């Protein structure tokens, strides 16, 4: 269980770092991706994009 939490956290962190590039591809604007502002700081939680990217990566790894 702890391993999955760490993997999920790292995936969210990675997606947050490459967010500008992913937005050009249309990711980060899917329904389920959360954008909100708290205490003057903008937060982004890409739930749908994370699921989509992990599905694509799992399909790619099964084919390779």
C-alpha atoms as a PDB file:
ATOM      1  CA  UNK A   1       0.000   0.000   0.000  1.00  0.00           C
ATOM      2  CA  UNK A   2       2.790   2.398   0.891  1.00  0.00           C
ATOM      3  CA  UNK A   3       4.543   1.663  -2.396  1.00  0.00           C
ATOM      4  CA  UNK A   4       1.445   2.692  -4.381  1.00  0.00           C
ATOM      5  CA  UNK A   5       1.137   5.915  -2.410  1.00  0.00           C
ATOM      6  CA  UNK A   6       4.752   6.767  -3.170  1.00  0.00           C
ATOM      7  CA  UNK A   7       4.316   5.923  -6.864  1.00  0.00           C
ATOM      8  CA  UNK A   8       1.154   8.037  -7.062  1.00  0.00           C
ATOM      9  CA  UNK A   9       2.870  10.961  -5.344  1.00  0.00           C
ATOM     10  CA  UNK A  10       5.854  10.754  -7.701  1.00  0.00           C
ATOM     11  CA  UNK A  11       3.564  10.570 -10.747  1.00  0.00           C
ATOM     12  CA  UNK A  12       1.656  13.661  -9.597  1.00  0.00           C
ATOM     13  CA  UNK A  13       4.921  15.467  -8.954  1.00  0.00           C
ATOM     14  CA  UNK A  14       6.295  14.553 -12.378  1.00  0.00           C
ATOM     15  CA  UNK A  15       3.111  15.631 -14.143  1.00  0.00           C
ATOM     16  CA  UNK A  16       3.159  18.942 -12.262  1.00  0.00           C
ATOM     17  CA  UNK A  17       6.697  19.602 -13.495  1.00  0.00           C
ATOM     18  CA  UNK A  18       5.868  18.873 -17.125  1.00  0.00           C
ATOM     19  CA  UNK A  19       2.463  20.514 -16.976  1.00  0.00           C
ATOM     20  CA  UNK A  20       3.188  23.333 -19.461  1.00  0.00           C
ATOM     21  CA  UNK A  21       4.282  20.800 -22.087  1.00  0.00           C
ATOM     22  CA  UNK A  22       1.314  18.530 -21.367  1.00  0.00           C
ATOM     23  CA  UNK A  23      -1.155  21.423 -21.659  1.00  0.00           C
ATOM     24  CA  UNK A  24       0.036  22.000 -25.212  1.00  0.00           C
ATOM     25  CA  UNK A  25      -0.995  18.387 -25.915  1.00  0.00           C
ATOM     26  CA  UNK A  26      -4.403  18.916 -24.288  1.00  0.00           C
ATOM     27  CA  UNK A  27      -3.679  17.089 -21.034  1.00  0.00           C
ATOM     28  CA  UNK A  28      -4.337  18.956 -17.819  1.00  0.00           C
ATOM     29  CA  UNK A  29      -7.625  20.290 -19.110  1.00  0.00           C
ATOM     30  CA  UNK A  30      -9.564  17.043 -18.858  1.00  0.00           C
ATOM     31  CA  UNK A  31     -12.675  16.730 -16.698  1.00  0.00           C
ATOM     32  CA  UNK A  32     -11.435  15.588 -13.323  1.00  0.00           C
ATOM     33  CA  UNK A  33      -8.229  17.642 -13.349  1.00  0.00           C
ATOM     34  CA  UNK A  34      -8.543  20.024 -10.441  1.00  0.00           C
ATOM     35  CA  UNK A  35      -7.381  23.656 -10.531  1.00  0.00           C
ATOM     36  CA  UNK A  36      -7.976  25.863  -7.522  1.00  0.00           C
ATOM     37  CA  UNK A  37      -6.455  28.789  -5.681  1.00  0.00           C
ATOM     38  CA  UNK A  38      -5.871  28.735  -1.918  1.00  0.00           C
ATOM     39  CA  UNK A  39      -4.009  31.412   0.060  1.00  0.00           C
ATOM     40  CA  UNK A  40      -2.952  33.173  -3.143  1.00  0.00           C
ATOM     41  CA  UNK A  41      -1.290  30.078  -4.607  1.00  0.00           C
ATOM     42  CA  UNK A  42      -2.612  28.087  -7.552  1.00  0.00           C
ATOM     43  CA  UNK A  43      -2.868  24.329  -7.035  1.00  0.00           C
ATOM     44  CA  UNK A  44      -3.209  21.736  -9.756  1.00  0.00           C
ATOM     45  CA  UNK A  45      -4.174  18.099  -9.161  1.00  0.00           C
ATOM     46  CA  UNK A  46      -4.235  16.166 -12.451  1.00  0.00           C
ATOM     47  CA  UNK A  47      -6.385  13.167 -11.529  1.00  0.00           C
ATOM     48  CA  UNK A  48      -7.777  12.373 -14.989  1.00  0.00           C
ATOM     49  CA  UNK A  49      -4.505  13.082 -16.740  1.00  0.00           C
ATOM     50  CA  UNK A  50      -2.684  10.760 -14.335  1.00  0.00           C
ATOM     51  CA  UNK A  51      -5.126   7.949 -15.034  1.00  0.00           C
ATOM     52  CA  UNK A  52      -4.899   8.470 -18.776  1.00  0.00           C
ATOM     53  CA  UNK A  53      -1.099   8.563 -18.787  1.00  0.00           C
ATOM     54  CA  UNK A  54      -0.778   5.478 -16.598  1.00  0.00           C
ATOM     55  CA  UNK A  55      -3.188   3.610 -18.891  1.00  0.00           C
ATOM     56  CA  UNK A  56      -1.143   4.589 -21.942  1.00  0.00           C
ATOM     57  CA  UNK A  57       2.109   3.606 -20.235  1.00  0.00           C
ATOM     58  CA  UNK A  58       0.716   0.247 -19.123  1.00  0.00           C
ATOM     59  CA  UNK A  59      -0.458  -0.513 -22.670  1.00  0.00           C
ATOM     60  CA  UNK A  60       2.948   0.463 -24.049  1.00  0.00           C
ATOM     61  CA  UNK A  61       4.823  -1.712 -21.564  1.00  0.00           C
ATOM     62  CA  UNK A  62       2.665  -4.745 -22.363  1.00  0.00           C
ATOM     63  CA  UNK A  63       3.357  -4.334 -26.077  1.00  0.00           C
ATOM     64  CA  UNK A  64       7.122  -3.927 -25.638  1.00  0.00           C
END
